[in-house]
Amino acid sequence: MDRTKIQTDIDAIATQVEDITEAASFNGLNLLQGTDSVDILSSLNRSSSSVTPDYITIERQNLEQSAGVAGTTAAVSAAASKGILTTNTAGTAATFATGTQTAGAVVADGQAETINFAGEIIDTGDTFAYTIDVAGTAVTAEYVAAEGETSNDVVENLASLLQAELIENNITDVDVSFSTSSNPSQNNVSLVVTNNTGSAFNAASTLEVNTGGTAGGGLANLGSIDVSTASGASTALTQIDDLLETAIDAASAFGSVQNRIDTQSDFIQSLIDSLELGVSALVDADLTAASARLNALQVQQQLGIQSLGIANQGPQTILALFR
């Protein structure tokens, strides 16, 4: 299998997707870029004293491939960071400095380090950076949260990025797993990194959390797909599934809005038809009745003319008697 050719195809597809996203514009409006919403006038609601407009709101679905911009404002406390770094080394806890948590001990071979996340909704732009030192190589995964994401999204994306970084550094004996929850606000969402290298991680790992970043596009991971290795191809499958889910969610959101617009359009058309019928009933003539009245008037006119003709002949008849 020629992975290089496959990677070339993937890069070409990523470029094509980017071109399509940028070209999806109508009258200067592109709903596949940016994050602000767009309001469309749907109706004018009249009352006895005023007219109130009503709108249909379309949420943009950011499908750009641009990477997020990390925040620079450090979280003020461990709780505010929405991520708690721990190890399974008995009696050793992580320490917190502004914006950063540092594991209290290295992770021995066979042991796992865990980050527990909390938060039903993560603030847009919150930046999570996890770093471990493996055999002298510092590996960092950084993720900037998008709008409306929960800790489930953060842990899944952070795990994917960490796995990709490990592959890029040819590290295959560190296992990365994560767990999500139907109720992420209950602190039961976690990222687990297991050390199978045969020796302890060289230095304490860190979790850095900053706020104030700018979220990346929904397809930001498309450009990071790398199938040049077997492990990279395996990770790519997960990334592609996530990208497909993002695209399907965007299509679903647009479909819901389109259905509402279609329903409103049908209602407006029915309202127009009703108004036109009402106006027609007020101003349009009944041709059958009007024709009958016209015929009656014409007959009356003819009878009047004949009556006048007969009346005019009367004096002439009287004068003829005296001749």
C-alpha atoms as a PDB file:
ATOM      1  CA  MET A   1       0.000   0.000   0.000  1.00  0.00           C
ATOM      2  CA  ASP A   2       1.437   3.352  -1.059  1.00  0.00           C
ATOM      3  CA  ARG A   3       0.557   5.599   1.874  1.00  0.00           C
ATOM      4  CA  THR A   4       2.234   8.577   0.218  1.00  0.00           C
ATOM      5  CA  LYS A   5      -0.241   8.509  -2.670  1.00  0.00           C
ATOM      6  CA  ILE A   6      -3.159   8.146  -0.272  1.00  0.00           C
ATOM      7  CA  GLN A   7      -1.875  11.108   1.728  1.00  0.00           C
ATOM      8  CA  THR A   8      -1.612  13.132  -1.497  1.00  0.00           C
ATOM      9  CA  ASP A   9      -5.255  12.348  -2.260  1.00  0.00           C
ATOM     10  CA  ILE A  10      -6.292  13.352   1.260  1.00  0.00           C
ATOM     11  CA  ASP A  11      -4.429  16.662   0.979  1.00  0.00           C
ATOM     12  CA  ALA A  12      -6.118  17.332  -2.379  1.00  0.00           C
ATOM     13  CA  ILE A  13      -9.537  16.587  -0.900  1.00  0.00           C
ATOM     14  CA  ALA A  14      -8.811  18.905   2.038  1.00  0.00           C
ATOM     15  CA  THR A  15      -7.944  21.682  -0.407  1.00  0.00           C
ATOM     16  CA  GLN A  16     -11.117  21.022  -2.405  1.00  0.00           C
ATOM     17  CA  VAL A  17     -13.256  21.126   0.743  1.00  0.00           C
ATOM     18  CA  GLU A  18     -11.656  24.438   1.679  1.00  0.00           C
ATOM     19  CA  ASP A  19     -12.406  25.860  -1.787  1.00  0.00           C
ATOM     20  CA  ILE A  20     -16.044  24.745  -1.571  1.00  0.00           C
ATOM     21  CA  THR A  21     -16.412  26.282   1.878  1.00  0.00           C
ATOM     22  CA  GLU A  22     -14.994  29.608   0.741  1.00  0.00           C
ATOM     23  CA  ALA A  23     -17.161  29.624  -2.411  1.00  0.00           C
ATOM     24  CA  ALA A  24     -20.424  28.903  -0.564  1.00  0.00           C
ATOM     25  CA  SER A  25     -21.496  32.543  -0.684  1.00  0.00           C
ATOM     26  CA  PHE A  26     -24.746  34.173  -1.830  1.00  0.00           C
ATOM     27  CA  ASN A  27     -25.056  37.946  -2.042  1.00  0.00           C
ATOM     28  CA  GLY A  28     -21.950  38.250   0.108  1.00  0.00           C
ATOM     29  CA  LEU A  29     -23.328  35.953   2.818  1.00  0.00           C
ATOM     30  CA  ASN A  30     -21.430  32.754   3.635  1.00  0.00           C
ATOM     31  CA  LEU A  31     -23.054  30.610   6.293  1.00  0.00           C
ATOM     32  CA  LEU A  32     -20.116  28.189   6.371  1.00  0.00           C
ATOM     33  CA  GLN A  33     -17.688  30.756   7.759  1.00  0.00           C
ATOM     34  CA  GLY A  34     -17.720  32.721  10.984  1.00  0.00           C
ATOM     35  CA  THR A  35     -19.784  32.117  14.098  1.00  0.00           C
ATOM     36  CA  ASP A  36     -22.293  34.975  14.330  1.00  0.00           C
ATOM     37  CA  SER A  37     -25.971  34.361  13.594  1.00  0.00           C
ATOM     38  CA  VAL A  38     -28.056  35.781  10.753  1.00  0.00           C
ATOM     39  CA  ASP A  39     -31.660  36.953  11.141  1.00  0.00           C
ATOM     40  CA  ILE A  40     -34.192  36.674   8.310  1.00  0.00           C
ATOM     41  CA  LEU A  41     -37.464  38.619   8.458  1.00  0.00           C
ATOM     42  CA  SER A  42     -40.290  36.081   8.648  1.00  0.00           C
ATOM     43  CA  SER A  43     -43.390  38.142   9.414  1.00  0.00           C
ATOM     44  CA  LEU A  44     -44.820  41.460  10.583  1.00  0.00           C
ATOM     45  CA  ASN A  45     -47.117  40.991  13.572  1.00  0.00           C
ATOM     46  CA  ARG A  46     -49.732  43.734  13.743  1.00  0.00           C
ATOM     47  CA  SER A  47     -51.550  44.875  16.833  1.00  0.00           C
ATOM     48  CA  SER A  48     -53.980  47.712  17.442  1.00  0.00           C
ATOM     49  CA  SER A  49     -51.137  50.144  18.082  1.00  0.00           C
ATOM     50  CA  SER A  50     -47.954  48.854  16.439  1.00  0.00           C
ATOM     51  CA  VAL A  51     -46.237  46.455  14.056  1.00  0.00           C
ATOM     52  CA  THR A  52     -43.632  44.059  15.476  1.00  0.00           C
ATOM     53  CA  PRO A  53     -41.210  42.219  13.174  1.00  0.00           C
ATOM     54  CA  ASP A  54     -40.475  38.546  13.749  1.00  0.00           C
ATOM     55  CA  TYR A  55     -37.282  36.816  12.574  1.00  0.00           C
ATOM     56  CA  ILE A  56     -35.927  33.367  11.814  1.00  0.00           C
ATOM     57  CA  THR A  57     -32.396  33.050  13.196  1.00  0.00           C
ATOM     58  CA  ILE A  58     -29.822  31.077  11.205  1.00  0.00           C
ATOM     59  CA  GLU A  59     -26.762  29.994  13.149  1.00  0.00           C
ATOM     60  CA  ARG A  60     -23.630  29.943  11.015  1.00  0.00           C
ATOM     61  CA  GLN A  61     -21.880  26.581  10.838  1.00  0.00           C
ATOM     62  CA  ASN A  62     -18.158  27.262  10.812  1.00  0.00           C
ATOM     63  CA  LEU A  63     -16.644  24.625   8.512  1.00  0.00           C
ATOM     64  CA  GLU A  64     -13.354  26.409   7.981  1.00  0.00           C
ATOM     65  CA  GLN A  65     -10.064  24.559   8.404  1.00  0.00           C
ATOM     66  CA  SER A  66      -8.427  27.405  10.291  1.00  0.00           C
ATOM     67  CA  ALA A  67      -6.773  26.415  13.555  1.00  0.00           C
ATOM     68  CA  GLY A  68      -7.857  27.961  16.816  1.00  0.00           C
ATOM     69  CA  VAL A  69      -5.879  30.743  18.453  1.00  0.00           C
ATOM     70  CA  ALA A  70      -4.859  29.822  21.986  1.00  0.00           C
ATOM     71  CA  GLY A  71      -5.983  31.989  24.873  1.00  0.00           C
ATOM     72  CA  THR A  72      -3.463  33.855  26.998  1.00  0.00           C
ATOM     73  CA  THR A  73      -5.444  34.615  30.164  1.00  0.00           C
ATOM     74  CA  ALA A  74      -4.582  32.014  32.805  1.00  0.00           C
ATOM     75  CA  ALA A  75      -7.324  30.320  34.802  1.00  0.00           C
ATOM     76  CA  VAL A  76      -7.358  31.731  38.316  1.00  0.00           C
ATOM     77  CA  SER A  77      -7.959  28.436  40.111  1.00  0.00           C
ATOM     78  CA  ALA A  78      -7.918  24.709  39.562  1.00  0.00           C
ATOM     79  CA  ALA A  79     -11.714  24.612  39.687  1.00  0.00           C
ATOM     80  CA  ALA A  80     -12.008  27.448  37.163  1.00  0.00           C
ATOM     81  CA  SER A  81      -9.777  25.547  34.750  1.00  0.00           C
ATOM     82  CA  LYS A  82     -12.472  22.827  34.407  1.00  0.00           C
ATOM     83  CA  GLY A  83      -9.718  20.235  34.372  1.00  0.00           C
ATOM     84  CA  ILE A  84      -8.119  18.441  37.342  1.00  0.00           C
ATOM     85  CA  LEU A  85      -4.771  16.698  36.747  1.00  0.00           C
ATOM     86  CA  THR A  86      -4.068  13.668  38.958  1.00  0.00           C
ATOM     87  CA  THR A  87      -1.802  10.604  39.011  1.00  0.00           C
ATOM     88  CA  ASN A  88      -2.333   7.161  40.413  1.00  0.00           C
ATOM     89  CA  THR A  89       0.748   7.435  42.624  1.00  0.00           C
ATOM     90  CA  ALA A  90      -0.489   6.997  46.177  1.00  0.00           C
ATOM     91  CA  GLY A  91      -0.265  10.048  48.390  1.00  0.00           C
ATOM     92  CA  THR A  92       0.849  12.422  45.651  1.00  0.00           C
ATOM     93  CA  ALA A  93      -1.396  15.177  44.351  1.00  0.00           C
ATOM     94  CA  ALA A  94      -0.983  17.679  41.563  1.00  0.00           C
ATOM     95  CA  THR A  95      -0.112  21.255  42.467  1.00  0.00           C
ATOM     96  CA  PHE A  96      -1.731  24.333  40.958  1.00  0.00           C
ATOM     97  CA  ALA A  97      -0.158  27.594  39.886  1.00  0.00           C
ATOM     98  CA  THR A  98      -2.146  30.252  38.043  1.00  0.00           C
ATOM     99  CA  GLY A  99      -3.251  28.646  34.792  1.00  0.00           C
ATOM    100  CA  THR A 100      -1.121  25.509  35.244  1.00  0.00           C
ATOM    101  CA  GLN A 101      -1.406  22.254  37.128  1.00  0.00           C
ATOM    102  CA  THR A 102       1.715  20.131  37.584  1.00  0.00           C
ATOM    103  CA  ALA A 103       1.633  16.456  38.444  1.00  0.00           C
ATOM    104  CA  GLY A 104       3.173  15.755  41.815  1.00  0.00           C
ATOM    105  CA  ALA A 105       5.197  12.805  40.601  1.00  0.00           C
ATOM    106  CA  VAL A 106       6.433  11.168  37.438  1.00  0.00           C
ATOM    107  CA  VAL A 107       4.361   8.325  36.013  1.00  0.00           C
ATOM    108  CA  ALA A 108       6.077   4.980  36.414  1.00  0.00           C
ATOM    109  CA  ASP A 109       5.998   2.272  33.801  1.00  0.00           C
ATOM    110  CA  GLY A 110       2.575   0.618  33.731  1.00  0.00           C
ATOM    111  CA  GLN A 111       0.932   3.486  35.573  1.00  0.00           C
ATOM    112  CA  ALA A 112      -1.637   5.903  34.149  1.00  0.00           C
ATOM    113  CA  GLU A 113      -2.195   9.601  34.558  1.00  0.00           C
ATOM    114  CA  THR A 114      -5.724  10.998  34.497  1.00  0.00           C
ATOM    115  CA  ILE A 115      -7.245  14.383  33.818  1.00  0.00           C
ATOM    116  CA  ASN A 116     -10.827  14.736  35.018  1.00  0.00           C
ATOM    117  CA  PHE A 117     -12.871  17.371  33.215  1.00  0.00           C
ATOM    118  CA  ALA A 118     -16.046  19.137  34.265  1.00  0.00           C
ATOM    119  CA  GLY A 119     -18.404  21.517  32.566  1.00  0.00           C
ATOM    120  CA  GLU A 120     -21.693  21.115  30.750  1.00  0.00           C
ATOM    121  CA  ILE A 121     -20.658  24.026  28.519  1.00  0.00           C
ATOM    122  CA  ILE A 122     -17.032  25.058  28.029  1.00  0.00           C
ATOM    123  CA  ASP A 123     -16.510  28.743  27.256  1.00  0.00           C
ATOM    124  CA  THR A 124     -15.643  29.458  23.640  1.00  0.00           C
ATOM    125  CA  GLY A 125     -11.902  29.975  23.294  1.00  0.00           C
ATOM    126  CA  ASP A 126     -10.923  28.106  26.471  1.00  0.00           C
ATOM    127  CA  THR A 127      -7.541  26.547  25.719  1.00  0.00           C
ATOM    128  CA  PHE A 128      -6.384  23.218  27.158  1.00  0.00           C
ATOM    129  CA  ALA A 129      -2.736  22.186  26.732  1.00  0.00           C
ATOM    130  CA  TYR A 130      -1.472  18.884  28.143  1.00  0.00           C
ATOM    131  CA  THR A 131       2.267  18.089  28.110  1.00  0.00           C
ATOM    132  CA  ILE A 132       4.147  14.893  28.984  1.00  0.00           C
ATOM    133  CA  ASP A 133       7.863  14.150  28.735  1.00  0.00           C
ATOM    134  CA  VAL A 134       8.590  10.760  27.184  1.00  0.00           C
ATOM    135  CA  ALA A 135      12.246   9.705  27.062  1.00  0.00           C
ATOM    136  CA  GLY A 136      13.354  13.318  26.866  1.00  0.00           C
ATOM    137  CA  THR A 137      10.772  14.292  24.243  1.00  0.00           C
ATOM    138  CA  ALA A 138       8.162  16.792  25.368  1.00  0.00           C
ATOM    139  CA  VAL A 139       4.831  16.041  23.696  1.00  0.00           C
ATOM    140  CA  THR A 140       2.083  18.671  23.868  1.00  0.00           C
ATOM    141  CA  ALA A 141      -1.531  18.520  22.741  1.00  0.00           C
ATOM    142  CA  GLU A 142      -3.402  21.831  22.661  1.00  0.00           C
ATOM    143  CA  TYR A 143      -7.089  22.308  21.956  1.00  0.00           C
ATOM    144  CA  VAL A 144      -9.161  25.498  21.742  1.00  0.00           C
ATOM    145  CA  ALA A 145     -12.828  24.920  22.554  1.00  0.00           C
ATOM    146  CA  ALA A 146     -15.456  25.909  20.008  1.00  0.00           C
ATOM    147  CA  GLU A 147     -18.796  27.524  20.763  1.00  0.00           C
ATOM    148  CA  GLY A 148     -21.246  25.367  22.707  1.00  0.00           C
ATOM    149  CA  GLU A 149     -18.819  22.526  23.346  1.00  0.00           C
ATOM    150  CA  THR A 150     -18.895  20.456  26.510  1.00  0.00           C
ATOM    151  CA  SER A 151     -16.098  18.689  28.326  1.00  0.00           C
ATOM    152  CA  ASN A 152     -17.000  15.631  26.222  1.00  0.00           C
ATOM    153  CA  ASP A 153     -15.859  17.497  23.112  1.00  0.00           C
ATOM    154  CA  VAL A 154     -12.731  18.796  24.818  1.00  0.00           C
ATOM    155  CA  VAL A 155     -11.548  15.415  26.061  1.00  0.00           C
ATOM    156  CA  GLU A 156     -12.243  13.695  22.737  1.00  0.00           C
ATOM    157  CA  ASN A 157     -10.377  16.302  20.699  1.00  0.00           C
ATOM    158  CA  LEU A 158      -7.526  16.574  23.188  1.00  0.00           C
ATOM    159  CA  ALA A 159      -7.050  12.809  23.096  1.00  0.00           C
ATOM    160  CA  SER A 160      -7.039  12.804  19.294  1.00  0.00           C
ATOM    161  CA  LEU A 161      -4.470  15.604  19.139  1.00  0.00           C
ATOM    162  CA  LEU A 162      -2.264  13.950  21.762  1.00  0.00           C
ATOM    163  CA  GLN A 163      -2.341  10.673  19.864  1.00  0.00           C
ATOM    164  CA  ALA A 164      -1.382  12.473  16.661  1.00  0.00           C
ATOM    165  CA  GLU A 165       1.526  14.216  18.407  1.00  0.00           C
ATOM    166  CA  LEU A 166       2.778  10.913  19.814  1.00  0.00           C
ATOM    167  CA  ILE A 167       2.661   9.352  16.348  1.00  0.00           C
ATOM    168  CA  GLU A 168       4.503  12.311  14.863  1.00  0.00           C
ATOM    169  CA  ASN A 169       7.256  11.807  17.446  1.00  0.00           C
ATOM    170  CA  ASN A 170       7.385   8.043  16.755  1.00  0.00           C
ATOM    171  CA  ILE A 171       6.125   7.208  20.245  1.00  0.00           C
ATOM    172  CA  THR A 172       3.956   4.102  20.087  1.00  0.00           C
ATOM    173  CA  ASP A 173       4.120   2.753  23.629  1.00  0.00           C
ATOM    174  CA  VAL A 174       2.015   5.418  25.330  1.00  0.00           C
ATOM    175  CA  ASP A 175      -1.682   4.574  25.366  1.00  0.00           C
ATOM    176  CA  VAL A 176      -4.250   7.396  25.181  1.00  0.00           C
ATOM    177  CA  SER A 177      -7.885   6.774  26.062  1.00  0.00           C
ATOM    178  CA  PHE A 178     -10.806   8.906  27.150  1.00  0.00           C
ATOM    179  CA  SER A 179     -14.298   8.564  28.553  1.00  0.00           C
ATOM    180  CA  THR A 180     -17.330  10.762  27.927  1.00  0.00           C
ATOM    181  CA  SER A 181     -20.580  11.084  29.805  1.00  0.00           C
ATOM    182  CA  SER A 182     -24.253  11.810  29.165  1.00  0.00           C
ATOM    183  CA  ASN A 183     -23.960  14.282  32.030  1.00  0.00           C
ATOM    184  CA  PRO A 184     -20.516  15.896  31.682  1.00  0.00           C
ATOM    185  CA  SER A 185     -21.159  18.415  34.451  1.00  0.00           C
ATOM    186  CA  GLN A 186     -20.762  15.633  37.049  1.00  0.00           C
ATOM    187  CA  ASN A 187     -16.937  15.458  36.759  1.00  0.00           C
ATOM    188  CA  ASN A 188     -16.997  12.031  35.121  1.00  0.00           C
ATOM    189  CA  VAL A 189     -15.284  12.918  31.848  1.00  0.00           C
ATOM    190  CA  SER A 190     -11.629  11.980  31.724  1.00  0.00           C
ATOM    191  CA  LEU A 191      -8.492  11.609  29.634  1.00  0.00           C
ATOM    192  CA  VAL A 192      -6.186   8.718  30.618  1.00  0.00           C
ATOM    193  CA  VAL A 193      -2.541   8.436  29.512  1.00  0.00           C
ATOM    194  CA  THR A 194      -0.893   5.096  30.281  1.00  0.00           C
ATOM    195  CA  ASN A 195       2.886   4.705  30.329  1.00  0.00           C
ATOM    196  CA  ASN A 196       4.027   1.486  28.642  1.00  0.00           C
ATOM    197  CA  THR A 197       7.505   2.686  27.713  1.00  0.00           C
ATOM    198  CA  GLY A 198       9.387   0.492  30.171  1.00  0.00           C
ATOM    199  CA  SER A 199      10.548   3.455  32.265  1.00  0.00           C
ATOM    200  CA  ALA A 200       9.039   6.393  34.074  1.00  0.00           C
ATOM    201  CA  PHE A 201       8.162   9.603  32.296  1.00  0.00           C
ATOM    202  CA  ASN A 202      11.205  11.835  32.706  1.00  0.00           C
ATOM    203  CA  ALA A 203       9.469  14.861  34.185  1.00  0.00           C
ATOM    204  CA  ALA A 204       6.208  15.823  35.763  1.00  0.00           C
ATOM    205  CA  SER A 205       3.419  16.394  33.244  1.00  0.00           C
ATOM    206  CA  THR A 206       1.432  19.621  33.158  1.00  0.00           C
ATOM    207  CA  LEU A 207      -2.045  20.808  32.264  1.00  0.00           C
ATOM    208  CA  GLU A 208      -2.291  24.460  31.247  1.00  0.00           C
ATOM    209  CA  VAL A 209      -5.674  26.147  30.884  1.00  0.00           C
ATOM    210  CA  ASN A 210      -6.098  29.648  29.483  1.00  0.00           C
ATOM    211  CA  THR A 211      -9.153  31.645  28.478  1.00  0.00           C
ATOM    212  CA  GLY A 212      -9.777  34.287  25.829  1.00  0.00           C
ATOM    213  CA  GLY A 213      -8.767  32.261  22.781  1.00  0.00           C
ATOM    214  CA  THR A 214     -10.424  32.132  19.379  1.00  0.00           C
ATOM    215  CA  ALA A 215     -12.059  28.884  18.333  1.00  0.00           C
ATOM    216  CA  GLY A 216     -10.876  27.186  15.173  1.00  0.00           C
ATOM    217  CA  GLY A 217     -13.052  26.058  12.296  1.00  0.00           C
ATOM    218  CA  GLY A 218     -15.182  22.944  12.513  1.00  0.00           C
ATOM    219  CA  LEU A 219     -12.926  21.141  10.029  1.00  0.00           C
ATOM    220  CA  ALA A 220      -9.628  22.248  11.571  1.00  0.00           C
ATOM    221  CA  ASN A 221      -8.512  18.638  12.032  1.00  0.00           C
ATOM    222  CA  LEU A 222      -8.863  17.902   8.323  1.00  0.00           C
ATOM    223  CA  GLY A 223      -5.440  19.346   7.608  1.00  0.00           C
ATOM    224  CA  SER A 224      -3.783  17.260  10.333  1.00  0.00           C
ATOM    225  CA  ILE A 225      -4.793  13.850   8.971  1.00  0.00           C
ATOM    226  CA  ASP A 226      -1.669  11.780   8.421  1.00  0.00           C
ATOM    227  CA  VAL A 227      -1.899   8.227   7.079  1.00  0.00           C
ATOM    228  CA  SER A 228       1.825   7.810   6.412  1.00  0.00           C
ATOM    229  CA  THR A 229       1.996   5.212   9.208  1.00  0.00           C
ATOM    230  CA  ALA A 230      -0.300   2.408  10.337  1.00  0.00           C
ATOM    231  CA  SER A 231      -0.959   4.095  13.701  1.00  0.00           C
ATOM    232  CA  GLY A 232      -1.552   7.382  11.921  1.00  0.00           C
ATOM    233  CA  ALA A 233      -4.101   5.713   9.643  1.00  0.00           C
ATOM    234  CA  SER A 234      -5.862   4.305  12.690  1.00  0.00           C
ATOM    235  CA  THR A 235      -6.030   7.749  14.293  1.00  0.00           C
ATOM    236  CA  ALA A 236      -7.196   9.205  10.964  1.00  0.00           C
ATOM    237  CA  LEU A 237     -10.263   6.955  11.038  1.00  0.00           C
ATOM    238  CA  THR A 238     -11.329   8.527  14.319  1.00  0.00           C
ATOM    239  CA  GLN A 239     -10.602  12.009  12.992  1.00  0.00           C
ATOM    240  CA  ILE A 240     -12.607  11.361   9.833  1.00  0.00           C
ATOM    241  CA  ASP A 241     -15.547  10.088  11.886  1.00  0.00           C
ATOM    242  CA  ASP A 242     -15.436  13.300  13.928  1.00  0.00           C
ATOM    243  CA  LEU A 243     -15.250  15.422  10.770  1.00  0.00           C
ATOM    244  CA  LEU A 244     -18.199  13.582   9.245  1.00  0.00           C
ATOM    245  CA  GLU A 245     -20.174  14.133  12.436  1.00  0.00           C
ATOM    246  CA  THR A 246     -19.359  17.843  12.284  1.00  0.00           C
ATOM    247  CA  ALA A 247     -20.535  18.052   8.664  1.00  0.00           C
ATOM    248  CA  ILE A 248     -23.709  16.064   9.423  1.00  0.00           C
ATOM    249  CA  ASP A 249     -24.498  18.301  12.417  1.00  0.00           C
ATOM    250  CA  ALA A 250     -24.082  21.379  10.203  1.00  0.00           C
ATOM    251  CA  ALA A 251     -26.338  19.909   7.514  1.00  0.00           C
ATOM    252  CA  SER A 252     -28.922  19.002  10.163  1.00  0.00           C
ATOM    253  CA  ALA A 253     -28.888  22.540  11.560  1.00  0.00           C
ATOM    254  CA  PHE A 254     -29.357  24.029   8.094  1.00  0.00           C
ATOM    255  CA  GLY A 255     -32.100  21.484   7.334  1.00  0.00           C
ATOM    256  CA  SER A 256     -34.062  22.476  10.434  1.00  0.00           C
ATOM    257  CA  VAL A 257     -33.891  26.148   9.514  1.00  0.00           C
ATOM    258  CA  GLN A 258     -34.793  25.402   5.889  1.00  0.00           C
ATOM    259  CA  ASN A 259     -37.889  23.505   7.033  1.00  0.00           C
ATOM    260  CA  ARG A 260     -38.956  26.472   9.126  1.00  0.00           C
ATOM    261  CA  ILE A 261     -38.376  28.882   6.244  1.00  0.00           C
ATOM    262  CA  ASP A 262     -40.339  26.615   3.867  1.00  0.00           C
ATOM    263  CA  THR A 263     -43.203  26.380   6.363  1.00  0.00           C
ATOM    264  CA  GLN A 264     -43.233  30.159   6.816  1.00  0.00           C
ATOM    265  CA  SER A 265     -43.120  30.663   3.040  1.00  0.00           C
ATOM    266  CA  ASP A 266     -46.108  28.346   2.577  1.00  0.00           C
ATOM    267  CA  PHE A 267     -48.004  30.225   5.273  1.00  0.00           C
ATOM    268  CA  ILE A 268     -47.209  33.601   3.694  1.00  0.00           C
ATOM    269  CA  GLN A 269     -48.309  32.321   0.271  1.00  0.00           C
ATOM    270  CA  SER A 270     -51.593  31.050   1.738  1.00  0.00           C
ATOM    271  CA  LEU A 271     -52.086  34.407   3.429  1.00  0.00           C
ATOM    272  CA  ILE A 272     -51.442  36.211   0.119  1.00  0.00           C
ATOM    273  CA  ASP A 273     -53.952  33.975  -1.668  1.00  0.00           C
ATOM    274  CA  SER A 274     -56.575  34.630   1.018  1.00  0.00           C
ATOM    275  CA  LEU A 275     -56.053  38.375   0.812  1.00  0.00           C
ATOM    276  CA  GLU A 276     -56.301  38.334  -2.977  1.00  0.00           C
ATOM    277  CA  LEU A 277     -59.573  36.390  -2.784  1.00  0.00           C
ATOM    278  CA  GLY A 278     -60.896  38.881  -0.262  1.00  0.00           C
ATOM    279  CA  VAL A 279     -59.970  41.856  -2.419  1.00  0.00           C
ATOM    280  CA  SER A 280     -61.464  40.176  -5.473  1.00  0.00           C
ATOM    281  CA  ALA A 281     -64.733  39.644  -3.641  1.00  0.00           C
ATOM    282  CA  LEU A 282     -64.834  43.369  -2.850  1.00  0.00           C
ATOM    283  CA  VAL A 283     -63.881  44.868  -6.189  1.00  0.00           C
ATOM    284  CA  ASP A 284     -64.374  42.291  -8.952  1.00  0.00           C
ATOM    285  CA  ALA A 285     -67.667  42.421 -10.911  1.00  0.00           C
ATOM    286  CA  ASP A 286     -70.124  39.508 -11.170  1.00  0.00           C
ATOM    287  CA  LEU A 287     -70.096  39.246 -14.966  1.00  0.00           C
ATOM    288  CA  THR A 288     -73.317  37.220 -15.195  1.00  0.00           C
ATOM    289  CA  ALA A 289     -75.306  39.663 -13.071  1.00  0.00           C
ATOM    290  CA  ALA A 290     -73.760  42.664 -14.786  1.00  0.00           C
ATOM    291  CA  SER A 291     -74.621  41.224 -18.240  1.00  0.00           C
ATOM    292  CA  ALA A 292     -78.243  40.628 -17.198  1.00  0.00           C
ATOM    293  CA  ARG A 293     -78.551  44.185 -15.907  1.00  0.00           C
ATOM    294  CA  LEU A 294     -77.055  45.524 -19.140  1.00  0.00           C
ATOM    295  CA  ASN A 295     -79.576  43.556 -21.245  1.00  0.00           C
ATOM    296  CA  ALA A 296     -82.438  44.855 -19.091  1.00  0.00           C
ATOM    297  CA  LEU A 297     -81.269  48.439 -19.514  1.00  0.00           C
ATOM    298  CA  GLN A 298     -80.930  47.999 -23.261  1.00  0.00           C
ATOM    299  CA  VAL A 299     -84.502  46.625 -23.487  1.00  0.00           C
ATOM    300  CA  GLN A 300     -85.765  49.502 -21.360  1.00  0.00           C
ATOM    301  CA  GLN A 301     -83.978  51.946 -23.621  1.00  0.00           C
ATOM    302  CA  GLN A 302     -85.507  50.426 -26.753  1.00  0.00           C
ATOM    303  CA  LEU A 303     -89.001  50.463 -25.219  1.00  0.00           C
ATOM    304  CA  GLY A 304     -88.555  54.106 -24.262  1.00  0.00           C
ATOM    305  CA  ILE A 305     -87.519  55.029 -27.795  1.00  0.00           C
ATOM    306  CA  GLN A 306     -90.500  53.169 -29.240  1.00  0.00           C
ATOM    307  CA  SER A 307     -92.843  54.897 -26.772  1.00  0.00           C
ATOM    308  CA  LEU A 308     -91.517  58.302 -27.776  1.00  0.00           C
ATOM    309  CA  GLY A 309     -91.909  57.384 -31.441  1.00  0.00           C
ATOM    310  CA  ILE A 310     -95.543  56.439 -30.902  1.00  0.00           C
ATOM    311  CA  ALA A 311     -96.151  59.599 -28.908  1.00  0.00           C
ATOM    312  CA  ASN A 312     -94.656  61.748 -31.668  1.00  0.00           C
ATOM    313  CA  GLN A 313     -96.969  60.150 -34.248  1.00  0.00           C
ATOM    314  CA  GLY A 314    -100.141  61.166 -32.298  1.00  0.00           C
ATOM    315  CA  PRO A 315    -100.211  64.897 -33.263  1.00  0.00           C
ATOM    316  CA  GLN A 316     -99.660  64.025 -36.906  1.00  0.00           C
ATOM    317  CA  THR A 317    -102.701  61.740 -36.890  1.00  0.00           C
ATOM    318  CA  ILE A 318    -104.920  64.502 -35.387  1.00  0.00           C
ATOM    319  CA  LEU A 319    -103.768  67.090 -37.967  1.00  0.00           C
ATOM    320  CA  ALA A 320    -104.634  64.673 -40.763  1.00  0.00           C
ATOM    321  CA  LEU A 321    -108.350  64.777 -39.734  1.00  0.00           C
ATOM    322  CA  PHE A 322    -108.544  68.484 -40.697  1.00  0.00           C
ATOM    323  CA  ARG A 323    -107.232  68.096 -44.200  1.00  0.00           C
END
